[in-house]
Amino acid sequence: MGNGSSSEPESQGDFITILSIDGGGVRGIIPSEVLSVLEAKLQKLDVDNKDARIVDYFDFIAGTSTGGLMTAMLTAPNDEKRPLFAAKDIAKFYQDKSPYIFLKTPETNQPPSTEEDSRISDPVEATEEPLTTPAEVINTPATFLRGIIDIIVELSPEAKDYVEPLNTYLLQPKYDGKNLQDTIKGLLGEKLALSETLTSVIIPAFDIKHFGPTIFSTLKAKRDRSMDAPLADVCRATSAAPYYFPPYHFKTSKPFNLVDGGVAANNPVSFCLL
């Protein structure tokens, strides 16, 4: 069972306990309420541990998108190596911070910022290495749609004023992601590493360069330093829902170009069974 430390999980007898939290945006308030009730029940039942936390009872906690953020909040350690947040704090977080994360400002109608350490507007341009095949470039949705717009303008220059706004309204994300990133880093800080979680976590994202899932996990982070990313960056990546937020680019010893984990698996339990 989960033991509140960052060591590898020890199974209880012949079984391993897994908690899986689906994605769903602000609907994450629903599982957050369930988790709050569960933790309160565990504290009543565990007479030897009145400060019982969910992390104490699960060998693995997996979360996608908003579920990944909840996973991080449940397993991030404080200075005493106990959970930084109680389950009841998560519901309050959604109530307090959702309006800020999805705040509509005049800037949200503009192309997103291209700061190297946070947001990218074009996944192809953001990668340090070229994509391996032309087919990958063609299959990038934004590249393909921009190509269509360029063709229309080339064939009919008078249509330019009508089709170019599509670049903003169809191809650019609704929010630039800055408020989301600021909120996550305010919760978890910038230095807390994935390998430090109090029980093993599994948080998927989707790699838009290699067109496949990237699975962040505590166990993998302990074996491979390139996968031991800051927990805040992992949460920002798995929450980069297409249409709403731009892809997220960050580096460890290698670059990552990622979007919402729900593109790979909105229900992450399958990755727990691998």
C-alpha atoms as a PDB file:
ATOM      1  CA  MET A   1       0.000   0.000   0.000  1.00  0.00           C
ATOM      2  CA  GLY A   2       1.054   3.610  -0.385  1.00  0.00           C
ATOM      3  CA  ASN A   3       3.147   4.530   2.619  1.00  0.00           C
ATOM      4  CA  GLY A   4       3.540   8.298   2.403  1.00  0.00           C
ATOM      5  CA  SER A   5       7.155   8.073   1.259  1.00  0.00           C
ATOM      6  CA  SER A   6       8.811   8.461  -2.115  1.00  0.00           C
ATOM      7  CA  SER A   7      10.139   4.897  -2.127  1.00  0.00           C
ATOM      8  CA  GLU A   8       8.846   2.293  -4.554  1.00  0.00           C
ATOM      9  CA  PRO A   9       5.350   1.118  -3.645  1.00  0.00           C
ATOM     10  CA  GLU A  10       4.979  -2.078  -1.662  1.00  0.00           C
ATOM     11  CA  SER A  11       1.976  -4.185  -2.553  1.00  0.00           C
ATOM     12  CA  GLN A  12      -0.349  -5.386   0.190  1.00  0.00           C
ATOM     13  CA  GLY A  13      -0.268  -9.163  -0.067  1.00  0.00           C
ATOM     14  CA  ASP A  14      -1.160 -10.282  -3.581  1.00  0.00           C
ATOM     15  CA  PHE A  15      -2.719  -7.055  -4.807  1.00  0.00           C
ATOM     16  CA  ILE A  16      -1.695  -3.535  -5.711  1.00  0.00           C
ATOM     17  CA  THR A  17      -3.986  -0.587  -5.067  1.00  0.00           C
ATOM     18  CA  ILE A  18      -4.588   1.887  -7.901  1.00  0.00           C
ATOM     19  CA  LEU A  19      -6.510   5.163  -7.930  1.00  0.00           C
ATOM     20  CA  SER A  20      -7.336   6.499 -11.399  1.00  0.00           C
ATOM     21  CA  ILE A  21      -8.661  10.036 -11.978  1.00  0.00           C
ATOM     22  CA  ASP A  22     -10.064  10.905 -15.418  1.00  0.00           C
ATOM     23  CA  GLY A  23      -9.708  14.198 -17.232  1.00  0.00           C
ATOM     24  CA  GLY A  24     -12.592  16.627 -17.668  1.00  0.00           C
ATOM     25  CA  GLY A  25     -11.555  20.252 -17.214  1.00  0.00           C
ATOM     26  CA  VAL A  26     -13.443  22.156 -14.534  1.00  0.00           C
ATOM     27  CA  ARG A  27     -15.643  19.090 -14.137  1.00  0.00           C
ATOM     28  CA  GLY A  28     -12.725  17.908 -12.041  1.00  0.00           C
ATOM     29  CA  ILE A  29     -14.666  19.398  -9.161  1.00  0.00           C
ATOM     30  CA  ILE A  30     -16.805  16.214  -9.245  1.00  0.00           C
ATOM     31  CA  PRO A  31     -13.996  13.707  -8.508  1.00  0.00           C
ATOM     32  CA  SER A  32     -12.495  16.239  -6.105  1.00  0.00           C
ATOM     33  CA  GLU A  33     -15.661  16.078  -3.996  1.00  0.00           C
ATOM     34  CA  VAL A  34     -15.570  12.268  -4.111  1.00  0.00           C
ATOM     35  CA  LEU A  35     -11.937  12.275  -3.010  1.00  0.00           C
ATOM     36  CA  SER A  36     -12.748  14.658  -0.167  1.00  0.00           C
ATOM     37  CA  VAL A  37     -15.447  12.311   1.132  1.00  0.00           C
ATOM     38  CA  LEU A  38     -13.168   9.291   0.704  1.00  0.00           C
ATOM     39  CA  GLU A  39     -10.356  10.875   2.692  1.00  0.00           C
ATOM     40  CA  ALA A  40     -12.735  11.905   5.480  1.00  0.00           C
ATOM     41  CA  LYS A  41     -14.071   8.326   5.666  1.00  0.00           C
ATOM     42  CA  LEU A  42     -10.557   6.897   5.807  1.00  0.00           C
ATOM     43  CA  GLN A  43      -9.680   9.211   8.684  1.00  0.00           C
ATOM     44  CA  LYS A  44     -12.680   7.921  10.644  1.00  0.00           C
ATOM     45  CA  LEU A  45     -11.939   4.275   9.902  1.00  0.00           C
ATOM     46  CA  ASP A  46      -8.187   4.335  10.510  1.00  0.00           C
ATOM     47  CA  VAL A  47      -8.090   4.711  14.284  1.00  0.00           C
ATOM     48  CA  ASP A  48      -4.294   4.535  14.283  1.00  0.00           C
ATOM     49  CA  ASN A  49      -3.885   7.408  11.838  1.00  0.00           C
ATOM     50  CA  LYS A  50      -6.226  10.353  12.335  1.00  0.00           C
ATOM     51  CA  ASP A  51      -4.174  12.293   9.799  1.00  0.00           C
ATOM     52  CA  ALA A  52      -4.784   9.618   7.183  1.00  0.00           C
ATOM     53  CA  ARG A  53      -4.506  10.822   3.607  1.00  0.00           C
ATOM     54  CA  ILE A  54      -5.441   9.193   0.330  1.00  0.00           C
ATOM     55  CA  VAL A  55      -1.778   8.832  -0.581  1.00  0.00           C
ATOM     56  CA  ASP A  56      -1.354   6.400   2.351  1.00  0.00           C
ATOM     57  CA  TYR A  57      -3.685   3.827   0.779  1.00  0.00           C
ATOM     58  CA  PHE A  58      -2.672   3.607  -2.872  1.00  0.00           C
ATOM     59  CA  ASP A  59       0.412   2.130  -4.515  1.00  0.00           C
ATOM     60  CA  PHE A  60      -0.284   4.067  -7.707  1.00  0.00           C
ATOM     61  CA  ILE A  61      -2.303   7.201  -8.415  1.00  0.00           C
ATOM     62  CA  ALA A  62      -2.888   7.975 -12.086  1.00  0.00           C
ATOM     63  CA  GLY A  63      -4.440  11.103 -13.537  1.00  0.00           C
ATOM     64  CA  THR A  64      -5.019  12.628 -16.956  1.00  0.00           C
ATOM     65  CA  SER A  65      -5.404  16.332 -17.688  1.00  0.00           C
ATOM     66  CA  THR A  66      -7.258  17.869 -14.725  1.00  0.00           C
ATOM     67  CA  GLY A  67      -6.935  14.440 -13.087  1.00  0.00           C
ATOM     68  CA  GLY A  68      -3.167  14.776 -13.416  1.00  0.00           C
ATOM     69  CA  LEU A  69      -3.286  18.026 -11.497  1.00  0.00           C
ATOM     70  CA  MET A  70      -5.344  16.372  -8.754  1.00  0.00           C
ATOM     71  CA  THR A  71      -2.860  13.503  -8.676  1.00  0.00           C
ATOM     72  CA  ALA A  72      -0.030  15.972  -8.127  1.00  0.00           C
ATOM     73  CA  MET A  73      -1.906  17.800  -5.374  1.00  0.00           C
ATOM     74  CA  LEU A  74      -2.598  14.528  -3.542  1.00  0.00           C
ATOM     75  CA  THR A  75       1.013  13.347  -3.718  1.00  0.00           C
ATOM     76  CA  ALA A  76       3.169  16.493  -3.516  1.00  0.00           C
ATOM     77  CA  PRO A  77       5.157  16.484  -0.248  1.00  0.00           C
ATOM     78  CA  ASN A  78       5.503  19.236   2.310  1.00  0.00           C
ATOM     79  CA  ASP A  79       8.618  19.748   4.428  1.00  0.00           C
ATOM     80  CA  GLU A  80       7.532  16.936   6.769  1.00  0.00           C
ATOM     81  CA  LYS A  81       7.113  14.505   3.834  1.00  0.00           C
ATOM     82  CA  ARG A  82       3.362  14.488   4.225  1.00  0.00           C
ATOM     83  CA  PRO A  83       0.849  15.590   1.569  1.00  0.00           C
ATOM     84  CA  LEU A  84       1.032  19.283   0.782  1.00  0.00           C
ATOM     85  CA  PHE A  85      -2.744  19.367   0.244  1.00  0.00           C
ATOM     86  CA  ALA A  86      -5.701  17.601   1.813  1.00  0.00           C
ATOM     87  CA  ALA A  87      -8.312  16.187  -0.553  1.00  0.00           C
ATOM     88  CA  LYS A  88     -10.788  18.827   0.630  1.00  0.00           C
ATOM     89  CA  ASP A  89      -8.391  21.527  -0.610  1.00  0.00           C
ATOM     90  CA  ILE A  90      -8.790  20.365  -4.199  1.00  0.00           C
ATOM     91  CA  ALA A  91     -12.494  21.226  -4.501  1.00  0.00           C
ATOM     92  CA  LYS A  92     -11.792  24.675  -3.068  1.00  0.00           C
ATOM     93  CA  PHE A  93      -8.985  25.081  -5.582  1.00  0.00           C
ATOM     94  CA  TYR A  94     -11.383  24.484  -8.484  1.00  0.00           C
ATOM     95  CA  GLN A  95     -13.962  26.859  -7.072  1.00  0.00           C
ATOM     96  CA  ASP A  96     -11.436  29.626  -6.443  1.00  0.00           C
ATOM     97  CA  LYS A  97      -9.098  29.290  -9.416  1.00  0.00           C
ATOM     98  CA  SER A  98     -11.243  28.163 -12.368  1.00  0.00           C
ATOM     99  CA  PRO A  99     -12.494  31.711 -13.137  1.00  0.00           C
ATOM    100  CA  TYR A 100      -8.881  32.943 -13.171  1.00  0.00           C
ATOM    101  CA  ILE A 101      -7.551  30.081 -15.303  1.00  0.00           C
ATOM    102  CA  PHE A 102     -10.282  30.641 -17.897  1.00  0.00           C
ATOM    103  CA  LEU A 103     -10.316  34.417 -17.595  1.00  0.00           C
ATOM    104  CA  LYS A 104     -11.391  36.102 -20.810  1.00  0.00           C
ATOM    105  CA  THR A 105      -9.326  39.159 -21.661  1.00  0.00           C
ATOM    106  CA  PRO A 106      -8.681  41.048 -24.907  1.00  0.00           C
ATOM    107  CA  GLU A 107      -5.379  39.196 -25.124  1.00  0.00           C
ATOM    108  CA  THR A 108      -7.108  35.832 -25.495  1.00  0.00           C
ATOM    109  CA  ASN A 109      -8.033  36.769 -29.051  1.00  0.00           C
ATOM    110  CA  GLN A 110      -4.371  37.277 -29.925  1.00  0.00           C
ATOM    111  CA  PRO A 111      -1.846  34.609 -30.894  1.00  0.00           C
ATOM    112  CA  PRO A 112      -0.253  33.064 -27.785  1.00  0.00           C
ATOM    113  CA  SER A 113       3.108  34.145 -26.467  1.00  0.00           C
ATOM    114  CA  THR A 114       6.124  32.200 -27.696  1.00  0.00           C
ATOM    115  CA  GLU A 115       8.293  32.288 -24.579  1.00  0.00           C
ATOM    116  CA  GLU A 116      10.682  29.359 -24.882  1.00  0.00           C
ATOM    117  CA  ASP A 117      10.059  28.115 -21.351  1.00  0.00           C
ATOM    118  CA  SER A 118       6.296  28.105 -21.470  1.00  0.00           C
ATOM    119  CA  ARG A 119       4.072  28.352 -24.532  1.00  0.00           C
ATOM    120  CA  ILE A 120       4.452  27.643 -28.232  1.00  0.00           C
ATOM    121  CA  SER A 121       2.199  28.640 -31.094  1.00  0.00           C
ATOM    122  CA  ASP A 122       3.546  26.121 -33.608  1.00  0.00           C
ATOM    123  CA  PRO A 123       4.698  22.670 -32.502  1.00  0.00           C
ATOM    124  CA  VAL A 124       6.856  22.244 -35.591  1.00  0.00           C
ATOM    125  CA  GLU A 125       8.821  25.468 -35.091  1.00  0.00           C
ATOM    126  CA  ALA A 126       9.247  24.884 -31.354  1.00  0.00           C
ATOM    127  CA  THR A 127      11.195  21.635 -31.600  1.00  0.00           C
ATOM    128  CA  GLU A 128      14.968  21.878 -31.641  1.00  0.00           C
ATOM    129  CA  GLU A 129      15.306  18.903 -33.983  1.00  0.00           C
ATOM    130  CA  PRO A 130      13.516  18.611 -37.337  1.00  0.00           C
ATOM    131  CA  LEU A 131      10.550  16.302 -37.600  1.00  0.00           C
ATOM    132  CA  THR A 132      11.708  12.971 -38.932  1.00  0.00           C
ATOM    133  CA  THR A 133       9.544  12.756 -42.051  1.00  0.00           C
ATOM    134  CA  PRO A 134       7.566  15.132 -44.270  1.00  0.00           C
ATOM    135  CA  ALA A 135       4.474  13.092 -43.452  1.00  0.00           C
ATOM    136  CA  GLU A 136       4.694  14.195 -39.829  1.00  0.00           C
ATOM    137  CA  VAL A 137       4.633  17.830 -40.897  1.00  0.00           C
ATOM    138  CA  ILE A 138       1.665  17.210 -43.191  1.00  0.00           C
ATOM    139  CA  ASN A 139      -0.209  15.435 -40.424  1.00  0.00           C
ATOM    140  CA  THR A 140       0.210  18.301 -37.963  1.00  0.00           C
ATOM    141  CA  PRO A 141      -3.346  19.740 -37.930  1.00  0.00           C
ATOM    142  CA  ALA A 142      -2.295  23.366 -37.519  1.00  0.00           C
ATOM    143  CA  THR A 143       0.260  23.095 -40.332  1.00  0.00           C
ATOM    144  CA  PHE A 144      -2.282  21.459 -42.629  1.00  0.00           C
ATOM    145  CA  LEU A 145      -4.998  24.049 -41.980  1.00  0.00           C
ATOM    146  CA  ARG A 146      -2.581  26.939 -42.376  1.00  0.00           C
ATOM    147  CA  GLY A 147      -1.533  25.424 -45.682  1.00  0.00           C
ATOM    148  CA  ILE A 148      -5.160  25.406 -46.837  1.00  0.00           C
ATOM    149  CA  ILE A 149      -5.535  29.084 -45.898  1.00  0.00           C
ATOM    150  CA  ASP A 150      -2.327  29.948 -47.788  1.00  0.00           C
ATOM    151  CA  ILE A 151      -3.601  28.163 -50.893  1.00  0.00           C
ATOM    152  CA  ILE A 152      -6.925  30.011 -50.768  1.00  0.00           C
ATOM    153  CA  VAL A 153      -5.163  33.371 -50.456  1.00  0.00           C
ATOM    154  CA  GLU A 154      -2.777  32.516 -53.291  1.00  0.00           C
ATOM    155  CA  LEU A 155      -5.613  31.517 -55.624  1.00  0.00           C
ATOM    156  CA  SER A 156      -7.887  34.363 -54.599  1.00  0.00           C
ATOM    157  CA  PRO A 157      -6.012  37.324 -53.051  1.00  0.00           C
ATOM    158  CA  GLU A 158      -9.258  39.217 -52.515  1.00  0.00           C
ATOM    159  CA  ALA A 159     -10.301  36.500 -50.054  1.00  0.00           C
ATOM    160  CA  LYS A 160      -7.396  37.319 -47.737  1.00  0.00           C
ATOM    161  CA  ASP A 161      -9.383  39.594 -45.431  1.00  0.00           C
ATOM    162  CA  TYR A 162     -12.030  36.898 -45.003  1.00  0.00           C
ATOM    163  CA  VAL A 163      -9.959  33.763 -44.471  1.00  0.00           C
ATOM    164  CA  GLU A 164      -7.016  35.062 -42.432  1.00  0.00           C
ATOM    165  CA  PRO A 165      -9.196  35.682 -39.340  1.00  0.00           C
ATOM    166  CA  LEU A 166      -9.728  31.901 -39.358  1.00  0.00           C
ATOM    167  CA  ASN A 167      -6.128  31.621 -38.239  1.00  0.00           C
ATOM    168  CA  THR A 168      -7.093  33.332 -34.988  1.00  0.00           C
ATOM    169  CA  TYR A 169     -10.525  31.845 -34.418  1.00  0.00           C
ATOM    170  CA  LEU A 170      -9.883  28.263 -35.556  1.00  0.00           C
ATOM    171  CA  LEU A 171      -6.169  27.653 -35.254  1.00  0.00           C
ATOM    172  CA  GLN A 172      -5.150  29.643 -32.198  1.00  0.00           C
ATOM    173  CA  PRO A 173      -6.031  28.394 -28.713  1.00  0.00           C
ATOM    174  CA  LYS A 174      -8.777  30.167 -26.812  1.00  0.00           C
ATOM    175  CA  TYR A 175      -6.465  30.971 -23.869  1.00  0.00           C
ATOM    176  CA  ASP A 176      -2.714  31.554 -23.831  1.00  0.00           C
ATOM    177  CA  GLY A 177      -2.189  29.287 -20.827  1.00  0.00           C
ATOM    178  CA  LYS A 178      -0.337  31.852 -18.718  1.00  0.00           C
ATOM    179  CA  ASN A 179      -2.934  31.899 -15.946  1.00  0.00           C
ATOM    180  CA  LEU A 180      -2.988  28.099 -15.879  1.00  0.00           C
ATOM    181  CA  GLN A 181       0.783  27.941 -15.690  1.00  0.00           C
ATOM    182  CA  ASP A 182       0.995  30.608 -12.990  1.00  0.00           C
ATOM    183  CA  THR A 183      -1.643  28.791 -10.939  1.00  0.00           C
ATOM    184  CA  ILE A 184       0.086  25.413 -11.167  1.00  0.00           C
ATOM    185  CA  LYS A 185       3.493  26.836 -10.276  1.00  0.00           C
ATOM    186  CA  GLY A 186       1.896  28.711  -7.398  1.00  0.00           C
ATOM    187  CA  LEU A 187       0.590  25.386  -6.079  1.00  0.00           C
ATOM    188  CA  LEU A 188       3.597  23.160  -6.643  1.00  0.00           C
ATOM    189  CA  GLY A 189       6.528  25.529  -7.031  1.00  0.00           C
ATOM    190  CA  GLU A 190       9.079  25.225  -9.813  1.00  0.00           C
ATOM    191  CA  LYS A 191      11.615  22.815  -8.286  1.00  0.00           C
ATOM    192  CA  LEU A 192       9.549  19.904  -6.956  1.00  0.00           C
ATOM    193  CA  ALA A 193      10.478  16.909  -9.111  1.00  0.00           C
ATOM    194  CA  LEU A 194       8.305  14.047 -10.285  1.00  0.00           C
ATOM    195  CA  SER A 195      10.536  11.568  -8.435  1.00  0.00           C
ATOM    196  CA  GLU A 196       9.630  13.191  -5.101  1.00  0.00           C
ATOM    197  CA  THR A 197       5.926  12.295  -5.021  1.00  0.00           C
ATOM    198  CA  LEU A 198       4.777  10.487  -1.879  1.00  0.00           C
ATOM    199  CA  THR A 199       3.498   7.476  -3.776  1.00  0.00           C
ATOM    200  CA  SER A 200       3.989   6.435  -7.374  1.00  0.00           C
ATOM    201  CA  VAL A 201       2.082   8.548  -9.885  1.00  0.00           C
ATOM    202  CA  ILE A 202       1.330   8.043 -13.570  1.00  0.00           C
ATOM    203  CA  ILE A 203       0.467  11.127 -15.639  1.00  0.00           C
ATOM    204  CA  PRO A 204       0.120  10.836 -19.444  1.00  0.00           C
ATOM    205  CA  ALA A 205       0.581  13.557 -22.037  1.00  0.00           C
ATOM    206  CA  PHE A 206       0.705  13.410 -25.835  1.00  0.00           C
ATOM    207  CA  ASP A 207       3.838  14.209 -27.835  1.00  0.00           C
ATOM    208  CA  ILE A 208       2.973  16.291 -30.905  1.00  0.00           C
ATOM    209  CA  LYS A 209       6.425  15.832 -32.418  1.00  0.00           C
ATOM    210  CA  HIS A 210       6.503  12.046 -32.298  1.00  0.00           C
ATOM    211  CA  PHE A 211       2.718  11.575 -32.414  1.00  0.00           C
ATOM    212  CA  GLY A 212       2.450   9.250 -29.471  1.00  0.00           C
ATOM    213  CA  PRO A 213       1.856   9.222 -25.723  1.00  0.00           C
ATOM    214  CA  THR A 214       4.489  10.347 -23.241  1.00  0.00           C
ATOM    215  CA  ILE A 215       3.928   8.702 -19.882  1.00  0.00           C
ATOM    216  CA  PHE A 216       5.400  10.445 -16.868  1.00  0.00           C
ATOM    217  CA  SER A 217       5.718   8.275 -13.785  1.00  0.00           C
ATOM    218  CA  THR A 218       7.546   8.339 -10.485  1.00  0.00           C
ATOM    219  CA  LEU A 219       9.164   4.962 -11.104  1.00  0.00           C
ATOM    220  CA  LYS A 220      10.345   5.988 -14.567  1.00  0.00           C
ATOM    221  CA  ALA A 221      11.671   9.293 -13.197  1.00  0.00           C
ATOM    222  CA  LYS A 222      13.800   7.433 -10.658  1.00  0.00           C
ATOM    223  CA  ARG A 223      15.338   5.287 -13.394  1.00  0.00           C
ATOM    224  CA  ASP A 224      15.749   7.930 -16.098  1.00  0.00           C
ATOM    225  CA  ARG A 225      16.811  11.464 -15.158  1.00  0.00           C
ATOM    226  CA  SER A 226      15.546  12.842 -18.459  1.00  0.00           C
ATOM    227  CA  MET A 227      12.024  11.882 -17.338  1.00  0.00           C
ATOM    228  CA  ASP A 228      12.397  13.433 -13.876  1.00  0.00           C
ATOM    229  CA  ALA A 229      10.680  16.666 -14.868  1.00  0.00           C
ATOM    230  CA  PRO A 230       9.377  19.344 -12.512  1.00  0.00           C
ATOM    231  CA  LEU A 231       5.954  18.234 -11.333  1.00  0.00           C
ATOM    232  CA  ALA A 232       4.505  21.621 -12.301  1.00  0.00           C
ATOM    233  CA  ASP A 233       5.662  21.152 -15.903  1.00  0.00           C
ATOM    234  CA  VAL A 234       4.142  17.673 -16.045  1.00  0.00           C
ATOM    235  CA  CYS A 235       0.817  19.063 -14.818  1.00  0.00           C
ATOM    236  CA  ARG A 236       0.909  21.944 -17.286  1.00  0.00           C
ATOM    237  CA  ALA A 237       1.611  19.527 -20.144  1.00  0.00           C
ATOM    238  CA  THR A 238      -1.145  17.047 -19.327  1.00  0.00           C
ATOM    239  CA  SER A 239      -3.589  19.968 -19.001  1.00  0.00           C
ATOM    240  CA  ALA A 240      -2.812  21.531 -22.411  1.00  0.00           C
ATOM    241  CA  ALA A 241      -6.215  20.745 -23.904  1.00  0.00           C
ATOM    242  CA  PRO A 242      -6.306  21.433 -27.665  1.00  0.00           C
ATOM    243  CA  TYR A 243      -8.504  24.389 -28.646  1.00  0.00           C
ATOM    244  CA  TYR A 244      -8.329  25.787 -25.100  1.00  0.00           C
ATOM    245  CA  PHE A 245      -4.573  25.955 -24.465  1.00  0.00           C
ATOM    246  CA  PRO A 246      -1.445  25.911 -26.639  1.00  0.00           C
ATOM    247  CA  PRO A 247       0.952  22.967 -26.602  1.00  0.00           C
ATOM    248  CA  TYR A 248       3.502  23.092 -23.812  1.00  0.00           C
ATOM    249  CA  HIS A 249       7.229  23.040 -24.421  1.00  0.00           C
ATOM    250  CA  PHE A 250       9.843  22.425 -21.728  1.00  0.00           C
ATOM    251  CA  LYS A 251      13.196  20.713 -21.317  1.00  0.00           C
ATOM    252  CA  THR A 252      14.969  18.388 -18.958  1.00  0.00           C
ATOM    253  CA  SER A 253      18.033  16.894 -20.616  1.00  0.00           C
ATOM    254  CA  LYS A 254      15.788  16.538 -23.664  1.00  0.00           C
ATOM    255  CA  PRO A 255      12.955  18.660 -25.073  1.00  0.00           C
ATOM    256  CA  PHE A 256       9.263  17.885 -24.684  1.00  0.00           C
ATOM    257  CA  ASN A 257       6.464  19.210 -26.913  1.00  0.00           C
ATOM    258  CA  LEU A 258       3.207  18.075 -25.371  1.00  0.00           C
ATOM    259  CA  VAL A 259      -0.541  18.472 -25.316  1.00  0.00           C
ATOM    260  CA  ASP A 260      -3.324  17.209 -23.059  1.00  0.00           C
ATOM    261  CA  GLY A 261      -2.995  13.647 -21.822  1.00  0.00           C
ATOM    262  CA  GLY A 262      -6.610  13.058 -22.825  1.00  0.00           C
ATOM    263  CA  VAL A 263      -5.444  12.848 -26.437  1.00  0.00           C
ATOM    264  CA  ALA A 264      -3.662   9.644 -25.415  1.00  0.00           C
ATOM    265  CA  ALA A 265      -5.988   8.338 -22.701  1.00  0.00           C
ATOM    266  CA  ASN A 266      -8.647  10.314 -20.873  1.00  0.00           C
ATOM    267  CA  ASN A 267      -8.937   7.335 -18.528  1.00  0.00           C
ATOM    268  CA  PRO A 268      -5.332   6.599 -17.504  1.00  0.00           C
ATOM    269  CA  VAL A 269      -5.981   3.286 -15.765  1.00  0.00           C
ATOM    270  CA  SER A 270      -4.719   1.327 -18.792  1.00  0.00           C
ATOM    271  CA  PHE A 271      -1.240   2.763 -18.266  1.00  0.00           C
ATOM    272  CA  CYS A 272      -1.269   1.466 -14.692  1.00  0.00           C
ATOM    273  CA  LEU A 273      -1.686  -2.073 -15.968  1.00  0.00           C
ATOM    274  CA  LEU A 274       1.269  -2.037 -18.359  1.00  0.00           C
END
